[in-house]
Each structure stands twice: as structure tokens, then as C-alpha cells.
Amino acid sequence: MSLRGRPDPADLGAGLFVLGLGAIGAWQALVIPTSPIYAQVGPKLVPWLIAAALLALGGLLTASALRGGWSRDIEESHGDAPVNLRALGLLLAGLLANLLLIAPFGFTVAATAQFVLVAAAFGSRAHLRNLGIAFAVSLGAYTLFVKLLGVNIGAGLVEALVFGTPG
């Protein structure tokens, strides 16, 4: 139990972890090579935006933890709910599906599988609707990154059919 004004160790750890992720993101953004071809917006923009957002969020979480934390309020409002192992398993399956499918089948298939599994982990039972939304969003993201920004995120079967990109 955390008294107000005393740092909650778990909340402080979460805030520092997010700060660490932001620092790693900033470090990795620094080492991205920049071509002189890019006039203003290059490949570093999105990593810097994400790193900045993680650093800001981590700072806010850490500050909140130093004032007593936030998780106690969440626990009080939800009670001591048991861990949903099915949901956790589906989230992990989504990550694993993306890792295993992206190389052989490409970004669209991998991201679609991940989206459907994560939606199921959050309780959605509309699997066909999720599949359609996931496919459209994934193909749109592929188009944005590869065709408009020139960043290769992994072509595969779908990309070869839609764009003629070798898979």
C-alpha cells in the first residue's frame, strides 16, 4: 500500500521503464543514417516523435509515481481482478505471429494476423470484421511507408498481388 506523497515502487518502475524506452528510441533515432536526398522530412522524424512521446509519458508517469502513484486508484476502482491469462496469451500470440509471418509472408499478412489476435485479446468477437479492418489498415500502412515514404517494411504475398512487388 502506498501512502500519498510516498513513491509507489511499482509505479515508479513503470515510469522509469517508459523513460528508458524513450531514451533507447532517441539513441536509435540518432544512429539512423540520413541521406542528403531528404530535404526536410527524413527517416528520423517518426522515431524522434515516438521517442519524444515516450520521454514525455515516462516523465509524467514518474512524476505521478513520486507523488504517490496511480495504480492504487485503478486497483480500488476495479477490485482485485484476476489476471486474464487468455487475453495475455492472445496478446503474446499476436506478437509471435508478427515475428514469424513477416519474413515469409510480408507486412500485410503479419500485421493483419497480429491485429486480429490483439482485438480478440481485448474481447472482440467480430473476427471477420476485425480481419477486414486489419487488412485495410495494414495494406494502407504498407502503401504509406513503402510507396509514399520509400521505407521498406517487408513485401510478401499480398504486396506482390496488389503492387507487383516481388515477395
Protein backbone atom coordinates (compact mmCIF):
# COMPACT_ATOMS: atom_id res chain seq x y z
CA MET A 1 0.00 0.00 0.00
CA SER A 2 1.30 3.43 -0.93
CA LEU A 3 0.62 6.48 1.19
CA ARG A 4 0.03 9.67 -0.77
CA GLY A 5 3.30 11.52 -1.11
CA ARG A 6 5.46 8.40 -0.89
CA PRO A 7 6.66 6.89 -4.16
CA ASP A 8 4.99 3.64 -5.16
CA PRO A 9 7.84 1.32 -6.28
CA ALA A 10 5.81 -0.43 -8.98
CA ASP A 11 4.52 2.82 -10.45
CA LEU A 12 7.99 4.36 -10.26
CA GLY A 13 9.42 1.32 -12.03
CA ALA A 14 6.82 1.62 -14.80
CA GLY A 15 7.55 5.33 -15.26
CA LEU A 16 11.31 4.75 -15.35
CA PHE A 17 10.83 1.87 -17.79
CA VAL A 18 8.89 4.12 -20.19
CA LEU A 19 11.58 6.80 -19.78
CA GLY A 20 14.16 4.14 -20.64
CA LEU A 21 12.25 3.14 -23.76
CA GLY A 22 12.17 6.80 -24.80
CA ALA A 23 15.92 7.12 -24.22
CA ILE A 24 16.58 3.99 -26.30
CA GLY A 25 14.31 5.38 -29.03
CA ALA A 26 16.19 8.69 -29.04
CA TRP A 27 19.54 6.89 -29.14
CA GLN A 28 18.41 4.74 -32.06
CA ALA A 29 17.00 7.79 -33.88
CA LEU A 30 20.44 9.38 -33.60
CA VAL A 31 22.12 6.48 -35.39
CA ILE A 32 19.71 6.32 -38.35
CA PRO A 33 21.71 7.33 -41.41
CA THR A 34 20.36 10.35 -43.25
CA SER A 35 20.75 10.71 -46.97
CA PRO A 36 21.33 14.16 -48.44
CA ILE A 37 18.38 13.39 -50.74
CA TYR A 38 15.94 14.16 -47.93
CA ALA A 39 15.20 17.88 -47.91
CA GLN A 40 13.29 18.31 -44.65
CA VAL A 41 11.39 15.19 -43.60
CA GLY A 42 13.65 12.18 -43.47
CA PRO A 43 13.64 8.74 -41.90
CA LYS A 44 14.37 10.16 -38.43
CA LEU A 45 11.12 12.11 -38.00
CA VAL A 46 8.82 9.33 -36.78
CA PRO A 47 11.41 7.72 -34.46
CA TRP A 48 12.07 11.15 -32.90
CA LEU A 49 8.34 11.79 -32.45
CA ILE A 50 7.87 8.40 -30.79
CA ALA A 51 10.94 8.87 -28.59
CA ALA A 52 9.71 12.33 -27.54
CA ALA A 53 6.25 10.97 -26.74
CA LEU A 54 7.73 8.12 -24.68
CA LEU A 55 10.01 10.51 -22.82
CA ALA A 56 7.09 12.85 -22.06
CA LEU A 57 4.84 9.98 -20.96
CA GLY A 58 7.63 8.44 -18.89
CA GLY A 59 8.27 11.79 -17.23
CA LEU A 60 4.59 12.22 -16.39
CA LEU A 61 4.31 8.65 -15.05
CA THR A 62 7.46 9.06 -12.97
CA ALA A 63 6.25 12.39 -11.57
CA SER A 64 2.91 10.80 -10.69
CA ALA A 65 4.67 7.87 -9.02
CA LEU A 66 6.78 10.26 -6.95
CA ARG A 67 3.56 11.90 -5.73
CA GLY A 68 2.13 8.55 -4.62
CA GLY A 69 1.30 6.70 -7.82
CA TRP A 70 -1.73 5.96 -9.90
CA SER A 71 -2.15 2.19 -9.77
CA ARG A 72 -3.73 2.15 -6.31
CA ASP A 73 -6.63 4.23 -7.61
CA ILE A 74 -7.05 1.82 -10.53
CA GLU A 75 -6.96 -1.22 -8.23
CA GLU A 76 -9.53 0.35 -5.90
CA SER A 77 -11.92 1.07 -8.76
CA HIS A 78 -11.62 -2.41 -10.30
CA GLY A 79 -11.08 -4.51 -7.23
CA ASP A 80 -8.55 -7.30 -7.28
CA ALA A 81 -9.40 -8.72 -10.69
CA PRO A 82 -7.61 -11.94 -11.59
CA VAL A 83 -5.11 -11.94 -14.42
CA ASN A 84 -6.80 -12.83 -17.70
CA LEU A 85 -4.43 -15.49 -18.99
CA ARG A 86 -6.45 -15.96 -22.19
CA ALA A 87 -6.07 -12.29 -23.09
CA LEU A 88 -2.39 -12.30 -22.20
CA GLY A 89 -1.88 -15.41 -24.33
CA LEU A 90 -3.65 -13.81 -27.29
CA LEU A 91 -1.50 -10.67 -26.98
CA LEU A 92 1.65 -12.77 -26.93
CA ALA A 93 0.35 -14.85 -29.85
CA GLY A 94 -0.17 -11.62 -31.81
CA LEU A 95 3.43 -10.57 -31.23
CA LEU A 96 4.70 -14.03 -32.10
CA ALA A 97 2.53 -14.19 -35.23
CA ASN A 98 4.01 -10.92 -36.45
CA LEU A 99 7.56 -12.13 -35.81
CA LEU A 100 7.00 -15.46 -37.56
CA LEU A 101 4.92 -14.24 -40.50
CA ILE A 102 6.60 -11.04 -41.62
CA ALA A 103 9.63 -12.62 -43.31
CA PRO A 104 7.86 -15.38 -45.27
CA PHE A 105 4.52 -13.65 -45.98
CA GLY A 106 5.17 -9.92 -45.73
CA PHE A 107 3.97 -6.99 -43.66
CA THR A 108 0.28 -7.05 -44.59
CA VAL A 109 -0.30 -10.69 -43.63
CA ALA A 110 1.78 -10.40 -40.43
CA ALA A 111 0.14 -7.16 -39.28
CA THR A 112 -3.34 -8.46 -40.12
CA ALA A 113 -2.80 -11.59 -38.01
CA GLN A 114 -1.45 -9.51 -35.15
CA PHE A 115 -4.38 -7.07 -35.31
CA VAL A 116 -6.98 -9.86 -35.21
CA LEU A 117 -5.29 -11.59 -32.26
CA VAL A 118 -4.92 -8.35 -30.28
CA ALA A 119 -8.56 -7.42 -30.97
CA ALA A 120 -9.59 -10.85 -29.66
CA ALA A 121 -7.41 -10.31 -26.57
CA PHE A 122 -9.37 -7.12 -25.88
CA GLY A 123 -12.63 -9.04 -26.07
CA SER A 124 -13.79 -8.54 -29.66
CA ARG A 125 -15.75 -11.45 -31.10
CA ALA A 126 -16.31 -9.89 -34.54
CA HIS A 127 -13.44 -11.79 -36.12
CA LEU A 128 -14.45 -11.31 -39.76
CA ARG A 129 -14.95 -7.57 -39.26
CA ASN A 130 -11.60 -7.36 -37.50
CA LEU A 131 -9.99 -9.26 -40.36
CA GLY A 132 -11.36 -6.80 -42.91
CA ILE A 133 -10.35 -3.74 -40.89
CA ALA A 134 -6.93 -5.22 -40.16
CA PHE A 135 -6.30 -6.00 -43.83
CA ALA A 136 -7.32 -2.49 -44.96
CA VAL A 137 -5.26 -0.74 -42.26
CA SER A 138 -2.22 -2.99 -42.83
CA LEU A 139 -2.27 -2.55 -46.59
CA GLY A 140 -2.76 1.19 -46.11
CA ALA A 141 0.22 1.34 -43.75
CA TYR A 142 2.31 -0.64 -46.23
CA THR A 143 1.32 1.74 -49.01
CA LEU A 144 2.15 4.78 -46.88
CA PHE A 145 5.56 3.55 -45.80
CA VAL A 146 6.78 1.81 -48.94
CA LYS A 147 5.12 3.63 -51.79
CA LEU A 148 4.93 7.16 -50.38
CA LEU A 149 7.84 7.36 -47.90
CA GLY A 150 10.17 4.86 -49.56
CA VAL A 151 10.73 2.83 -46.36
CA ASN A 152 10.81 -0.93 -46.99
CA ILE A 153 8.81 -2.70 -44.27
CA GLY A 154 8.60 -6.13 -45.89
CA ALA A 155 6.90 -7.16 -49.10
CA GLY A 156 5.19 -10.51 -49.36
CA LEU A 157 2.31 -12.35 -50.99
CA VAL A 158 -0.33 -9.63 -50.74
CA GLU A 159 2.04 -6.86 -51.74
CA ALA A 160 3.12 -8.86 -54.79
CA LEU A 161 -0.51 -9.34 -55.85
CA VAL A 162 -1.58 -5.75 -55.25
CA PHE A 163 1.52 -3.82 -56.32
CA GLY A 164 3.53 -6.34 -58.31
CA THR A 165 6.28 -6.07 -55.71
CA PRO A 166 8.48 -9.17 -55.63
CA GLY A 167 7.83 -11.09 -52.40
